[in-house]
Structures are given as structure tokens and as C-alpha cells.
Amino acid sequence: MMTSHGFVSMAIANIAQTLRNQSAVASFGKEKKMEICGKEIKDECSHCGNILECELFRQGHGIKQERENVAKMIECQMKHRERREFEC
């Protein structure tokens, strides 16, 4: 059985590989810094496994477009955080 730490490490490795393929920068060290298209991502979105497919993420953070739907993005982040905290 895989531990939650092992799962998170695997998910981070998969995200980092996908980001490299999309010419985005991901740096995971002691600081756990994530940067996509020149924007540092350090909010709840950085914990989401669907970050690269999420249109709401791109709109809310203004990835290659003007920022929009920020309130919807924050609402989504709050739901994700509640689920993440409930699972622990």
C-alpha cells in the first residue's frame, strides 16, 4: 500500500515532468516553489492534481491571458482545501 507521502511525491514528479514538457518551470525543494509561465504558484492550486488541465486555474492566475474568474477559482480552492483537510 502506498503512503500518502509516496503518493504526493509521485504526483509532484508527474507534474514536474508535464511542466518540463510544456516549457514551464517547476522547482520543488525545501521551499516547494512552483512557477508556471513566469508566475509563482503557492496557493491551494499547487496541491491540485489537475492543475495542468484546469481552465479555471489558467484564468484565475492569468496564465497566458488576462486574469478572470478569480472568485470562482478561490471558491474551487476552498473546496479542494476542505477535501484535503478532511482526508488527513
C-alpha atoms as a PDB file:
ATOM      1  CA  MET A   1       0.000   0.000   0.000  1.00  0.00           C
ATOM      2  CA  MET A   2       1.350   3.417  -0.957  1.00  0.00           C
ATOM      3  CA  THR A   3       1.652   6.006   1.799  1.00  0.00           C
ATOM      4  CA  SER A   4       0.254   9.500   1.337  1.00  0.00           C
ATOM      5  CA  HIS A   5       3.844  10.829   1.252  1.00  0.00           C
ATOM      6  CA  GLY A   6       4.711   8.395  -1.530  1.00  0.00           C
ATOM      7  CA  PHE A   7       1.606   9.362  -3.478  1.00  0.00           C
ATOM      8  CA  VAL A   8       2.365  13.086  -3.138  1.00  0.00           C
ATOM      9  CA  SER A   9       5.977  12.544  -4.219  1.00  0.00           C
ATOM     10  CA  MET A  10       4.799  10.610  -7.270  1.00  0.00           C
ATOM     11  CA  ALA A  11       2.217  13.290  -8.114  1.00  0.00           C
ATOM     12  CA  ILE A  12       4.836  16.040  -7.826  1.00  0.00           C
ATOM     13  CA  ALA A  13       7.195  14.109 -10.093  1.00  0.00           C
ATOM     14  CA  ASN A  14       4.414  13.674 -12.674  1.00  0.00           C
ATOM     15  CA  ILE A  15       3.515  17.373 -12.525  1.00  0.00           C
ATOM     16  CA  ALA A  16       7.169  18.382 -12.849  1.00  0.00           C
ATOM     17  CA  GLN A  17       7.605  16.147 -15.910  1.00  0.00           C
ATOM     18  CA  THR A  18       4.491  17.559 -17.553  1.00  0.00           C
ATOM     19  CA  LEU A  19       5.626  21.116 -16.805  1.00  0.00           C
ATOM     20  CA  ARG A  20       9.004  20.408 -18.396  1.00  0.00           C
ATOM     21  CA  ASN A  21       7.195  19.139 -21.480  1.00  0.00           C
ATOM     22  CA  GLN A  22       5.160  22.379 -21.594  1.00  0.00           C
ATOM     23  CA  SER A  23       8.247  24.597 -21.152  1.00  0.00           C
ATOM     24  CA  ALA A  24       7.115  25.696 -17.701  1.00  0.00           C
ATOM     25  CA  VAL A  25       9.385  25.833 -14.690  1.00  0.00           C
ATOM     26  CA  ALA A  26       8.832  23.740 -11.596  1.00  0.00           C
ATOM     27  CA  SER A  27      11.172  23.794  -8.671  1.00  0.00           C
ATOM     28  CA  PHE A  28      10.401  21.571  -5.723  1.00  0.00           C
ATOM     29  CA  GLY A  29      12.858  21.786  -2.867  1.00  0.00           C
ATOM     30  CA  LYS A  30      12.697  22.855   0.737  1.00  0.00           C
ATOM     31  CA  GLU A  31      10.627  25.860  -0.336  1.00  0.00           C
ATOM     32  CA  LYS A  32       8.258  23.846  -2.568  1.00  0.00           C
ATOM     33  CA  LYS A  33       8.138  26.547  -5.213  1.00  0.00           C
ATOM     34  CA  MET A  34       6.131  26.126  -8.397  1.00  0.00           C
ATOM     35  CA  GLU A  35       6.393  28.552 -11.288  1.00  0.00           C
ATOM     36  CA  ILE A  36       4.309  28.349 -14.445  1.00  0.00           C
ATOM     37  CA  CYS A  37       4.851  30.767 -17.318  1.00  0.00           C
ATOM     38  CA  GLY A  38       6.720  33.164 -15.054  1.00  0.00           C
ATOM     39  CA  LYS A  39       4.052  33.169 -12.313  1.00  0.00           C
ATOM     40  CA  GLU A  40       4.830  31.675  -8.925  1.00  0.00           C
ATOM     41  CA  ILE A  41       2.029  29.389  -7.749  1.00  0.00           C
ATOM     42  CA  LYS A  42       1.974  28.924  -3.991  1.00  0.00           C
ATOM     43  CA  ASP A  43      -1.728  28.780  -3.185  1.00  0.00           C
ATOM     44  CA  GLU A  44      -4.103  25.799  -2.941  1.00  0.00           C
ATOM     45  CA  CYS A  45      -3.808  25.219  -6.716  1.00  0.00           C
ATOM     46  CA  SER A  46      -0.287  23.908  -6.138  1.00  0.00           C
ATOM     47  CA  HIS A  47      -1.817  20.921  -4.298  1.00  0.00           C
ATOM     48  CA  CYS A  48      -4.247  20.000  -7.078  1.00  0.00           C
ATOM     49  CA  GLY A  49      -3.525  17.043  -9.312  1.00  0.00           C
ATOM     50  CA  ASN A  50      -5.499  18.603 -12.189  1.00  0.00           C
ATOM     51  CA  ILE A  51      -3.625  21.909 -12.257  1.00  0.00           C
ATOM     52  CA  LEU A  52      -2.349  21.462 -15.799  1.00  0.00           C
ATOM     53  CA  GLU A  53      -5.759  20.653 -17.284  1.00  0.00           C
ATOM     54  CA  CYS A  54      -7.723  23.206 -15.245  1.00  0.00           C
ATOM     55  CA  GLU A  55      -9.030  26.135 -17.272  1.00  0.00           C
ATOM     56  CA  LEU A  56     -10.168  27.869 -14.079  1.00  0.00           C
ATOM     57  CA  PHE A  57      -6.556  27.731 -12.820  1.00  0.00           C
ATOM     58  CA  ARG A  58      -5.265  29.356 -16.022  1.00  0.00           C
ATOM     59  CA  GLN A  59      -7.966  32.026 -15.965  1.00  0.00           C
ATOM     60  CA  GLY A  60      -7.668  32.817 -12.258  1.00  0.00           C
ATOM     61  CA  HIS A  61      -3.883  33.046 -12.278  1.00  0.00           C
ATOM     62  CA  GLY A  62      -3.716  34.789 -15.653  1.00  0.00           C
ATOM     63  CA  ILE A  63      -1.591  32.125 -17.359  1.00  0.00           C
ATOM     64  CA  LYS A  64      -1.086  33.365 -20.934  1.00  0.00           C
ATOM     65  CA  GLN A  65      -4.241  35.523 -20.634  1.00  0.00           C
ATOM     66  CA  GLU A  66      -5.778  38.308 -18.568  1.00  0.00           C
ATOM     67  CA  ARG A  67      -6.945  37.262 -15.099  1.00  0.00           C
ATOM     68  CA  GLU A  68     -10.637  36.461 -14.854  1.00  0.00           C
ATOM     69  CA  ASN A  69     -12.937  34.232 -12.784  1.00  0.00           C
ATOM     70  CA  VAL A  70     -10.754  34.818  -9.728  1.00  0.00           C
ATOM     71  CA  ALA A  71     -13.705  34.448  -7.333  1.00  0.00           C
ATOM     72  CA  LYS A  72     -14.649  31.093  -8.907  1.00  0.00           C
ATOM     73  CA  MET A  73     -11.034  29.939  -8.646  1.00  0.00           C
ATOM     74  CA  ILE A  74     -10.928  30.851  -4.940  1.00  0.00           C
ATOM     75  CA  GLU A  75     -14.210  29.026  -4.361  1.00  0.00           C
ATOM     76  CA  CYS A  76     -12.731  25.942  -6.029  1.00  0.00           C
ATOM     77  CA  GLN A  77      -9.583  26.260  -3.896  1.00  0.00           C
ATOM     78  CA  MET A  78     -11.669  26.378  -0.727  1.00  0.00           C
ATOM     79  CA  LYS A  79     -13.486  23.174  -1.725  1.00  0.00           C
ATOM     80  CA  HIS A  80     -10.166  21.473  -2.510  1.00  0.00           C
ATOM     81  CA  ARG A  81      -8.686  22.547   0.815  1.00  0.00           C
ATOM     82  CA  GLU A  82     -11.697  21.245   2.750  1.00  0.00           C
ATOM     83  CA  ARG A  83     -11.450  17.880   0.973  1.00  0.00           C
ATOM     84  CA  ARG A  84      -7.691  17.721   1.521  1.00  0.00           C
ATOM     85  CA  GLU A  85      -8.025  18.504   5.236  1.00  0.00           C
ATOM     86  CA  PHE A  86     -10.891  16.047   5.630  1.00  0.00           C
ATOM     87  CA  GLU A  87      -8.825  13.227   4.091  1.00  0.00           C
ATOM     88  CA  CYS A  88      -5.949  13.716   6.558  1.00  0.00           C
END
